[in-house]
Protein backbone atom coordinates (compact mmCIF):
# COMPACT_ATOMS: atom_id res chain seq x y z
CA UNK A 1 112.74 227.06 155.07
CA UNK A 2 115.24 224.39 155.15
CA UNK A 3 115.89 225.53 158.95
CA UNK A 4 112.35 225.29 159.93
CA UNK A 5 111.42 221.57 158.02
CA UNK A 6 114.44 220.14 159.91
CA UNK A 7 113.26 222.04 163.59
CA UNK A 8 109.76 220.31 162.24
CA UNK A 9 111.01 216.88 161.62
CA UNK A 10 112.75 216.73 164.86
CA UNK A 11 109.68 218.41 166.91
CA UNK A 12 107.53 215.58 165.52
CA UNK A 13 109.85 212.86 166.29
CA UNK A 14 109.93 213.87 169.86
CA UNK A 15 106.11 214.28 169.90
CA UNK A 16 105.33 211.21 168.60
CA UNK A 17 107.24 209.35 171.16
CA UNK A 18 106.18 211.61 173.91
CA UNK A 19 102.54 211.38 172.96
CA UNK A 20 102.82 207.63 173.56
CA UNK A 21 104.49 208.09 177.20
CA UNK A 22 101.58 210.67 177.81
CA UNK A 23 99.08 207.92 177.16
CA UNK A 24 101.19 205.16 179.40
CA UNK A 25 101.74 208.00 182.05
CA UNK A 26 97.76 208.81 182.51
CA UNK A 27 96.81 204.99 182.21
CA UNK A 28 99.42 204.17 184.97
CA UNK A 29 97.87 207.16 186.79
CA UNK A 30 94.27 205.71 186.62
CA UNK A 31 95.25 202.15 187.20
CA UNK A 32 97.01 203.32 190.81
CA UNK A 33 94.46 205.70 191.91
CA UNK A 34 91.91 202.98 191.44
CA UNK A 35 93.80 200.43 193.35
CA UNK A 36 94.91 199.76 196.99
CA UNK A 37 97.76 202.26 196.39
CA UNK A 38 95.58 205.29 195.86
CA UNK A 39 96.44 206.62 199.35
CA UNK A 40 99.94 206.39 198.71
CA UNK A 41 99.81 207.99 195.59
CA UNK A 42 98.25 210.66 196.79
CA UNK A 43 100.14 211.13 199.89
CA UNK A 44 103.36 211.18 197.69
CA UNK A 45 102.51 213.94 195.56
CA UNK A 46 101.31 216.13 198.82
CA UNK A 47 104.85 215.76 200.38
CA UNK A 48 106.36 218.63 201.04
CA UNK A 49 109.70 219.78 199.88
CA UNK A 50 111.40 223.21 200.23
CA UNK A 51 107.98 224.76 200.94
CA UNK A 52 106.21 223.09 197.92
CA UNK A 53 104.67 219.96 197.43
CA UNK A 54 106.00 217.56 194.99
CA UNK A 55 102.73 218.28 192.80
CA UNK A 56 103.49 221.96 193.06
CA UNK A 57 107.08 221.32 191.98
CA UNK A 58 105.82 219.58 188.76
CA UNK A 59 103.22 222.29 188.22
CA UNK A 60 104.58 225.15 188.78
CA UNK A 61 108.43 224.27 188.61
CA UNK A 62 108.68 221.77 185.65
CA UNK A 63 106.03 223.28 183.91
CA UNK A 64 107.85 226.28 183.64
CA UNK A 65 110.66 224.36 181.42
CA UNK A 66 107.59 223.54 179.12
CA UNK A 67 106.56 227.17 179.05
CA UNK A 68 110.37 227.99 178.08
CA UNK A 69 110.10 225.45 175.32
CA UNK A 70 106.76 227.34 174.11
CA UNK A 71 108.17 230.73 173.98
CA UNK A 72 111.26 229.20 172.34
CA UNK A 73 109.17 227.68 169.91
CA UNK A 74 106.86 230.88 169.27
CA UNK A 75 109.95 233.00 168.89
CA UNK A 76 111.53 230.92 166.34
CA UNK A 77 108.22 230.81 164.09
CA UNK A 78 108.22 234.62 164.62
CA UNK A 79 111.67 235.10 163.14
CA UNK A 80 111.98 232.37 160.52
CA UNK A 81 108.91 230.20 160.67
CA UNK A 82 105.45 230.16 159.49
CA UNK A 83 104.54 233.39 161.81
CA UNK A 84 107.62 235.41 160.36
CA UNK A 85 105.40 237.05 157.33
CA UNK A 86 102.15 238.54 157.73
CA UNK A 87 100.43 236.36 155.29
CA UNK A 88 101.71 233.39 156.49
CA UNK A 89 101.05 234.26 160.10
CA UNK A 90 97.32 235.38 159.23
CA UNK A 91 95.77 231.83 158.62
CA UNK A 92 96.99 229.85 161.84
CA UNK A 93 96.19 233.06 163.79
CA UNK A 94 92.53 233.28 162.67
CA UNK A 95 92.37 229.70 163.14
CA UNK A 96 93.55 229.96 166.85
CA UNK A 97 91.15 232.73 167.76
CA UNK A 98 88.42 230.85 166.63
CA UNK A 99 89.46 227.91 168.17
CA UNK A 100 89.77 229.61 171.51
CA UNK A 101 86.71 232.07 171.50
CA UNK A 102 84.04 229.43 170.48
CA UNK A 103 84.74 226.48 173.15
CA UNK A 104 84.82 229.77 175.57
CA UNK A 105 81.57 230.97 174.55
CA UNK A 106 80.00 227.44 174.89
CA UNK A 107 81.25 226.67 178.20
CA UNK A 108 80.25 230.10 178.80
CA UNK A 109 76.74 229.46 177.83
CA UNK A 110 76.61 226.31 180.19
CA UNK A 111 78.20 227.83 183.55
CA UNK A 112 77.91 231.57 183.40
CA UNK A 113 76.44 233.01 186.53
CA UNK A 114 77.29 229.97 188.20
CA UNK A 115 80.07 229.03 190.72
CA UNK A 116 82.01 227.24 187.64
CA UNK A 117 82.59 230.19 185.16
CA UNK A 118 85.98 230.38 186.32
CA UNK A 119 86.49 227.05 184.29
CA UNK A 120 85.61 229.28 181.02
CA UNK A 121 89.72 228.93 179.77
CA UNK A 122 89.86 225.01 180.20
CA UNK A 123 88.40 224.05 176.73
CA UNK A 124 90.47 227.00 174.62
CA UNK A 125 93.66 225.24 175.13
CA UNK A 126 95.25 222.66 172.45
CA UNK A 127 97.83 220.27 173.75
CA UNK A 128 100.81 220.42 171.04
CA UNK A 129 102.09 217.16 171.87
CA UNK A 130 99.00 214.84 171.58
CA UNK A 131 97.75 216.83 168.62
CA UNK A 132 101.12 216.41 166.59
CA UNK A 133 101.38 212.87 167.97
CA UNK A 134 98.02 211.98 166.74
CA UNK A 135 99.00 213.41 163.15
CA UNK A 136 102.48 211.61 162.93
CA UNK A 137 100.74 208.30 163.34
CA UNK A 138 99.05 208.85 159.80
CA UNK A 139 102.70 208.88 158.32
CA UNK A 140 103.93 210.37 155.05
CA UNK A 141 100.68 210.71 153.82
CA UNK A 142 99.93 213.99 155.73
CA UNK A 143 101.20 216.85 153.66
CA UNK A 144 103.53 219.15 155.39
CA UNK A 145 101.60 221.90 154.82
CA UNK A 146 98.89 220.50 157.28
CA UNK A 147 101.77 219.80 160.04
CA UNK A 148 102.92 223.46 159.87
CA UNK A 149 99.26 224.63 159.99
CA UNK A 150 98.51 222.72 163.11
CA UNK A 151 101.67 223.36 164.99
CA UNK A 152 101.53 226.94 164.11
CA UNK A 153 97.99 227.47 165.40
CA UNK A 154 98.80 225.34 168.53
CA UNK A 155 101.84 227.48 169.41
CA UNK A 156 99.48 230.52 169.37
CA UNK A 157 96.90 228.77 171.08
CA UNK A 158 99.35 227.98 173.86
CA UNK A 159 100.18 231.69 174.16
CA UNK A 160 96.61 232.64 174.38
CA UNK A 161 96.40 230.11 177.39
CA UNK A 162 99.58 232.14 178.92
CA UNK A 163 97.87 235.28 178.55
CA UNK A 164 94.51 233.93 179.89
CA UNK A 165 96.49 232.88 183.02
CA UNK A 166 98.37 236.07 183.51
CA UNK A 167 95.15 237.89 183.34
CA UNK A 168 92.39 235.95 184.58
CA UNK A 169 93.87 233.42 186.71
CA UNK A 170 95.90 235.45 189.37
CA UNK A 171 94.21 236.02 192.52
CA UNK A 172 96.35 238.70 194.04
CA UNK A 173 99.55 240.22 192.98
CA UNK A 174 102.52 241.62 195.28
CA UNK A 175 103.75 244.19 193.33
CA UNK A 176 107.24 244.42 194.98
CA UNK A 177 107.91 240.95 194.02
CA UNK A 178 106.53 241.25 190.41
CA UNK A 179 108.59 244.77 190.04
CA UNK A 180 111.84 243.09 191.26
CA UNK A 181 111.16 239.85 188.65
CA UNK A 182 110.59 242.50 186.02
CA UNK A 183 113.87 243.91 186.84
CA UNK A 184 115.51 240.50 186.55
CA UNK A 185 113.93 240.08 182.93
CA UNK A 186 115.34 243.76 182.08
CA UNK A 187 118.82 242.50 183.03
CA UNK A 188 118.53 239.34 181.03
CA UNK A 189 117.33 241.52 178.02
CA UNK A 190 120.46 243.63 178.54
CA UNK A 191 122.78 240.29 178.43
CA UNK A 192 121.04 239.75 175.11
CA UNK A 193 121.72 243.31 173.97
CA UNK A 194 125.57 242.93 175.11
CA UNK A 195 125.78 240.07 173.03
CA UNK A 196 126.22 237.58 175.84
CA UNK A 197 125.76 234.09 174.66
CA UNK A 198 126.68 232.06 177.94
CA UNK A 199 123.60 229.99 179.18
CA UNK A 200 124.53 230.14 183.00
CA UNK A 201 123.61 233.96 183.23
CA UNK A 202 120.14 233.27 181.59
CA UNK A 203 119.74 230.05 183.81
CA UNK A 204 120.58 232.00 187.18
CA UNK A 205 118.43 234.80 186.14
CA UNK A 206 115.90 232.94 184.96
CA UNK A 207 115.82 230.69 188.18
CA UNK A 208 115.61 233.85 190.21
CA UNK A 209 112.91 235.40 187.95
CA UNK A 210 111.01 232.38 188.63
CA UNK A 211 111.11 232.55 192.28
CA UNK A 212 110.26 236.06 192.41
CA UNK A 213 107.02 235.38 189.94
CA UNK A 214 105.75 232.55 192.51
CA UNK A 215 106.32 235.20 195.43
CA UNK A 216 104.34 237.78 193.52
CA UNK A 217 101.43 235.75 193.16
CA UNK A 218 101.36 235.65 189.23
CA UNK A 219 101.81 232.14 188.16
CA UNK A 220 105.37 231.14 187.94
CA UNK A 221 105.33 229.25 184.61
CA UNK A 222 105.06 232.72 182.91
CA UNK A 223 108.61 233.17 183.82
CA UNK A 224 109.62 230.62 181.35
CA UNK A 225 107.67 232.42 178.63
CA UNK A 226 109.40 235.80 179.43
CA UNK A 227 112.90 234.20 179.81
CA UNK A 228 112.32 232.65 176.01
CA UNK A 229 112.27 235.94 174.62
CA UNK A 230 115.46 237.42 176.52
CA UNK A 231 117.81 234.28 175.28
CA UNK A 232 119.69 235.37 171.73
CA UNK A 233 118.26 234.22 168.68
CA UNK A 234 119.90 234.13 165.16
CA UNK A 235 117.93 234.24 162.21
CA UNK A 236 121.02 232.30 160.61
CA UNK A 237 121.86 228.82 160.93
CA UNK A 238 121.11 226.65 163.95
CA UNK A 239 124.01 227.92 166.61
CA UNK A 240 122.48 230.52 168.51
CA UNK A 241 121.53 229.63 172.00
CA UNK A 242 118.07 230.12 171.34
CA UNK A 243 118.22 227.39 168.95
CA UNK A 244 120.64 225.16 170.91
CA UNK A 245 118.49 224.99 174.24
CA UNK A 246 115.13 224.77 171.91
CA UNK A 247 116.85 221.57 170.38
CA UNK A 248 118.36 220.42 173.90
CA UNK A 249 114.80 220.63 175.80
CA UNK A 250 112.63 219.07 173.37
CA UNK A 251 113.46 215.39 174.60
CA UNK A 252 112.92 216.03 178.24
CA UNK A 253 109.99 218.14 177.89
CA UNK A 254 108.35 215.40 175.79
CA UNK A 255 109.87 212.30 177.54
CA UNK A 256 109.59 213.18 181.01
CA UNK A 257 108.29 216.85 181.94
CA UNK A 258 105.06 216.38 180.03
CA UNK A 259 104.51 212.53 181.60
CA UNK A 260 105.49 213.41 184.80
CA UNK A 261 103.01 215.88 184.77
CA UNK A 262 100.17 213.78 183.24
CA UNK A 263 101.14 211.23 186.05
CA UNK A 264 100.80 213.82 188.84
CA UNK A 265 97.82 215.14 187.61
CA UNK A 266 95.62 212.27 186.14
CA UNK A 267 95.10 209.91 189.06
CA UNK A 268 91.34 210.31 189.05
CA UNK A 269 88.65 207.76 191.08
CA UNK A 270 86.63 206.21 188.70
CA UNK A 271 82.94 205.25 189.66
CA UNK A 272 79.56 204.84 188.12
CA UNK A 273 78.50 207.87 189.87
CA UNK A 274 81.11 209.93 188.60
CA UNK A 275 80.37 209.01 185.05
CA UNK A 276 76.85 209.72 185.74
CA UNK A 277 77.83 213.18 186.84
CA UNK A 278 80.02 213.69 184.03
CA UNK A 279 77.39 213.86 181.70
CA UNK A 280 74.89 216.02 183.73
CA UNK A 281 77.10 218.75 185.30
CA UNK A 282 77.15 222.01 183.44
CA UNK A 283 80.85 222.23 184.28
CA UNK A 284 81.54 218.99 182.61
CA UNK A 285 79.43 219.65 179.57
CA UNK A 286 80.73 222.82 178.83
CA UNK A 287 84.56 221.40 179.01
CA UNK A 288 83.60 218.28 176.82
CA UNK A 289 81.25 220.26 174.11
CA UNK A 290 83.78 222.85 173.91
CA UNK A 291 86.71 220.58 173.06
CA UNK A 292 85.07 218.40 170.93
CA UNK A 293 82.26 220.67 169.09
CA UNK A 294 83.93 224.04 169.98
CA UNK A 295 87.23 223.68 168.59
CA UNK A 296 86.80 222.19 165.18
CA UNK A 297 83.45 224.49 164.46
CA UNK A 298 85.34 227.28 165.34
CA UNK A 299 88.71 226.63 163.88
CA UNK A 300 86.76 225.74 160.41
CA UNK A 301 84.42 228.35 160.61
CA UNK A 302 87.16 231.26 161.31
CA UNK A 303 89.43 230.05 158.66
CA UNK A 304 86.46 230.14 156.20
CA UNK A 305 85.48 233.39 156.91
CA UNK A 306 88.74 234.84 156.64
CA UNK A 307 89.35 232.96 153.12
CA UNK A 308 85.92 233.86 151.56
CA UNK A 309 86.64 237.57 152.92
CA UNK A 310 89.87 237.53 150.86
CA UNK A 311 91.93 238.04 154.13
CA UNK A 312 94.12 235.20 153.42
CA UNK A 313 94.15 231.86 151.56
CA UNK A 314 94.41 227.96 152.17
CA UNK A 315 98.11 227.02 151.25
CA UNK A 316 98.29 224.26 148.89
CA UNK A 317 97.91 221.58 148.91
CA UNK A 318 95.43 221.91 151.95
CA UNK A 319 91.89 221.22 151.41
CA UNK A 320 88.73 222.02 153.63
CA UNK A 321 88.78 218.41 154.66
CA UNK A 322 92.09 218.73 156.54
CA UNK A 323 91.01 222.07 157.97
CA UNK A 324 88.45 220.11 159.64
CA UNK A 325 90.54 217.21 160.54
CA UNK A 326 93.06 219.78 162.32
CA UNK A 327 90.16 221.57 164.05
CA UNK A 328 89.00 218.26 165.71
CA UNK A 329 92.74 217.40 166.71
CA UNK A 330 92.66 221.05 168.31
CA UNK A 331 90.23 219.62 170.73
CA UNK A 332 92.78 217.47 172.32
CA UNK A 333 93.70 219.62 175.25
CA UNK A 334 94.84 217.44 177.77
CA UNK A 335 98.25 219.18 179.13
CA UNK A 336 97.02 222.83 178.87
CA UNK A 337 93.35 222.02 179.95
CA UNK A 338 94.17 220.33 183.27
CA UNK A 339 96.79 223.08 183.73
CA UNK A 340 94.17 225.79 183.67
CA UNK A 341 91.55 223.55 185.58
CA UNK A 342 94.07 223.01 188.74
CA UNK A 343 94.36 226.81 188.47
CA UNK A 344 90.66 227.74 187.90
CA UNK A 345 89.22 225.68 190.86
CA UNK A 346 92.01 226.02 193.46
CA UNK A 347 90.91 224.68 196.82
CA UNK A 348 87.84 222.79 194.84
CA UNK A 349 89.15 219.23 194.50
CA UNK A 350 86.05 217.54 193.55
CA UNK A 351 85.44 220.28 190.93
CA UNK A 352 89.15 219.74 189.42
CA UNK A 353 88.47 215.98 189.65
CA UNK A 354 85.48 216.43 187.40
CA UNK A 355 86.96 218.94 185.07
CA UNK A 356 90.06 216.36 184.66
CA UNK A 357 87.44 213.44 183.54
CA UNK A 358 85.81 215.87 181.28
CA UNK A 359 89.20 216.88 179.62
CA UNK A 360 90.04 213.09 179.46
CA UNK A 361 86.98 212.59 177.88
CA UNK A 362 86.63 215.26 175.23
CA UNK A 363 90.42 214.99 174.41
CA UNK A 364 90.17 211.35 173.77
CA UNK A 365 87.04 211.56 171.65
CA UNK A 366 88.77 214.54 169.83
CA UNK A 367 91.88 212.70 169.12
CA UNK A 368 89.90 209.59 168.02
CA UNK A 369 87.71 211.29 165.72
CA UNK A 370 90.35 213.46 164.42
CA UNK A 371 92.33 210.47 163.28
CA UNK A 372 89.67 208.55 162.02
CA UNK A 373 88.59 211.88 159.70
CA UNK A 374 91.86 212.68 158.21
CA UNK A 375 92.63 208.78 157.76
CA UNK A 376 89.70 208.64 155.68
CA UNK A 377 90.47 212.18 154.03
CA UNK A 378 93.83 211.64 152.99
CA UNK A 379 93.18 207.86 151.97
CA UNK A 380 90.74 209.47 149.39
CA UNK A 381 93.22 211.71 147.85
């Protein structure tokens, strides 16, 4: 438990600062995209290098490192964290399922049968960095169990998003390249089995697996999660390769990769007509409603049903008001929602822009209301 607590403290410390950088990067991108430099901004991100644009290097390359960190965090949770026992894992797992299914259902009601139904995965995601960043602003008043609950269901949420990407957002597959990627992965697991603990063969194998996955047509960021599970892990101490790599990646992911992703993907041209469309279009309404209403209702309702059925219990000192507040913060989709929007509407820049505006609006409202709710709730203890 001490190991998990120290890891949680490091995570919160990095993500509080990281959430500030995400806001700054987003504001800077919006300012530039609505200035005379907008043309230069977009031209830079579409500059080709080694066969990919700079935007693709960020979204497909650097974000694979983010997914590697997600995989390492999930593996730690499964071995020594909140997901290591059935009783502890049930509550956040059920919360994550409710927080994915209801937003997807809401979006589907707005868009099924239309050209926009591919965006059903957009409101299902939770941004760990922003959600924990908002929670950490509330300081020491926040119970550790609430931080753990939010982090656990957000990690499961991201795993669900990764599965969604693999299953529904892969247009065509080159089975030869995919088989080669899986062969590399099998080799990495063999290195783990042979107790090879040097980072270099895993890094080289991971890079090759990323390239093969990219060529296969499956989104290459999934290679990051696959690599995480091949890296050696030890339940004892913090000296295994997995522990050291997770600790090393926290800073560059929170302080560099995610802000750069935000800067590359949130340069939206804002206009009065755009805001009018935002509140009239079925796609944007489905995203905003799914994030702002679907997330807290889905999470709270799923947990309530599980507790009433006797499947699991609220850990002390969590109360229902805390679950509602955590559900509101779960509506901060941002990074993962933008990521899925880019995949869902490839080749449709206008719909991608509208989706991103809806994501920013829904995430901002969710974060603000979640912060206000928990601030009032925690002050009333």
